[in-house]
Amino acid sequence: MAGKSTDDKPDEKQTFEAAYQQLEDTVQALESGGLSLDQATKLYEEGTKLAKACNELLNAAELRISRLQTSVGEQMRFIDGDSNGDDDSDDDDDPD
């Protein structure tokens, strides 16, 4: 741990899968024990950075999916609107 570590920092363009695997490796190293306080602290810090990176990547994917669903929903509304015509006036079936 005293040498240079180029793979320890999360890459800005890192995939979710790579960041998650690195996070799992970090957690396993912490759980195995036998680390000095300094080593454990550095690994914990790295783990929190990786967890944040994973969370940001998941949020970005969720946003993309949400936008796609909205876009498809709007397109389907246009399709449904064209085939059904204007049927808002027939919806008032109030028994009173």
Protein backbone atom coordinates (compact mmCIF):
# COMPACT_ATOMS: atom_id res chain seq x y z
CA MET A 1 0.00 0.00 0.00
CA ALA A 2 2.95 2.34 0.41
CA GLY A 3 3.70 2.50 -3.32
CA LYS A 4 1.91 4.36 -6.06
CA SER A 5 -1.64 3.23 -6.72
CA THR A 6 -2.98 4.20 -10.09
CA ASP A 7 -6.01 1.87 -9.99
CA ASP A 8 -7.24 2.97 -6.56
CA LYS A 9 -8.94 6.20 -7.65
CA PRO A 10 -12.29 6.06 -9.43
CA ASP A 11 -11.98 7.15 -13.05
CA GLU A 12 -14.43 9.82 -14.21
CA LYS A 13 -15.30 7.71 -17.27
CA GLN A 14 -15.32 4.42 -15.38
CA THR A 15 -18.19 2.07 -16.04
CA PHE A 16 -20.60 1.15 -13.29
CA GLU A 17 -19.51 -2.48 -13.47
CA ALA A 18 -15.83 -1.60 -13.07
CA ALA A 19 -16.48 0.79 -10.19
CA TYR A 20 -18.75 -1.74 -8.47
CA GLN A 21 -16.16 -4.51 -8.83
CA GLN A 22 -13.52 -2.23 -7.38
CA LEU A 23 -15.87 -1.37 -4.51
CA GLU A 24 -16.47 -5.07 -3.82
CA ASP A 25 -12.71 -5.67 -3.79
CA THR A 26 -12.24 -2.78 -1.39
CA VAL A 27 -14.94 -4.06 0.97
CA GLN A 28 -13.46 -7.57 0.87
CA ALA A 29 -10.02 -6.20 1.74
CA LEU A 30 -11.47 -4.26 4.67
CA GLU A 31 -13.46 -7.26 5.91
CA SER A 32 -10.47 -9.60 5.71
CA GLY A 33 -8.70 -7.56 8.36
CA GLY A 34 -4.97 -7.55 9.02
CA LEU A 35 -4.62 -3.96 7.82
CA SER A 36 -2.96 -1.13 9.64
CA LEU A 37 -5.17 1.74 10.73
CA ASP A 38 -3.70 3.89 7.95
CA GLN A 39 -4.34 1.23 5.30
CA ALA A 40 -7.88 0.62 6.52
CA THR A 41 -8.61 4.34 6.59
CA LYS A 42 -7.32 4.79 3.02
CA LEU A 43 -9.37 1.83 1.82
CA TYR A 44 -12.46 3.13 3.57
CA GLU A 45 -11.98 6.53 1.97
CA GLU A 46 -11.54 4.88 -1.42
CA GLY A 47 -14.67 2.81 -0.81
CA THR A 48 -16.75 5.89 -0.09
CA LYS A 49 -15.50 7.51 -3.32
CA LEU A 50 -16.37 4.37 -5.28
CA ALA A 51 -19.81 4.14 -3.66
CA LYS A 52 -20.44 7.77 -4.61
CA ALA A 53 -19.29 7.11 -8.18
CA CYS A 54 -21.59 4.06 -8.42
CA ASN A 55 -24.49 6.08 -7.06
CA GLU A 56 -23.90 8.89 -9.56
CA LEU A 57 -23.71 6.41 -12.44
CA LEU A 58 -26.95 4.76 -11.32
CA ASN A 59 -28.67 8.14 -10.99
CA ALA A 60 -27.54 9.11 -14.49
CA ALA A 61 -28.86 5.83 -15.91
CA GLU A 62 -32.16 6.28 -14.05
CA LEU A 63 -32.51 9.79 -15.47
CA ARG A 64 -31.86 8.53 -19.01
CA ILE A 65 -34.47 5.80 -18.59
CA SER A 66 -36.97 8.26 -17.16
CA ARG A 67 -36.43 10.61 -20.11
CA LEU A 68 -36.87 7.74 -22.56
CA GLN A 69 -40.08 6.64 -20.85
CA THR A 70 -41.42 10.20 -20.97
CA SER A 71 -40.51 10.51 -24.63
CA VAL A 72 -42.15 7.20 -25.52
CA GLY A 73 -45.21 8.11 -23.44
CA GLU A 74 -45.58 11.40 -25.31
CA GLN A 75 -45.24 9.64 -28.64
CA MET A 76 -47.88 7.10 -27.63
CA ARG A 77 -50.23 9.91 -26.58
CA PHE A 78 -49.91 11.44 -30.04
CA ILE A 79 -50.62 8.06 -31.64
CA ASP A 80 -53.58 7.39 -29.33
CA GLY A 81 -54.88 10.92 -29.85
CA ASP A 82 -54.81 10.53 -33.62
CA SER A 83 -56.66 7.20 -33.62
CA ASN A 84 -59.29 8.00 -30.95
CA GLY A 85 -60.18 11.50 -32.01
CA ASP A 86 -61.70 13.95 -29.53
CA ASP A 87 -63.78 11.93 -27.10
CA ASP A 88 -63.63 14.23 -24.05
CA SER A 89 -67.26 15.35 -24.42
CA ASP A 90 -68.61 11.78 -24.12
CA ASP A 91 -66.94 11.13 -20.76
CA ASP A 92 -69.62 12.89 -18.70
CA ASP A 93 -71.79 9.92 -17.77
CA ASP A 94 -72.88 11.48 -14.46
CA PRO A 95 -76.04 9.73 -13.20
CA ASP A 96 -77.45 12.97 -11.72
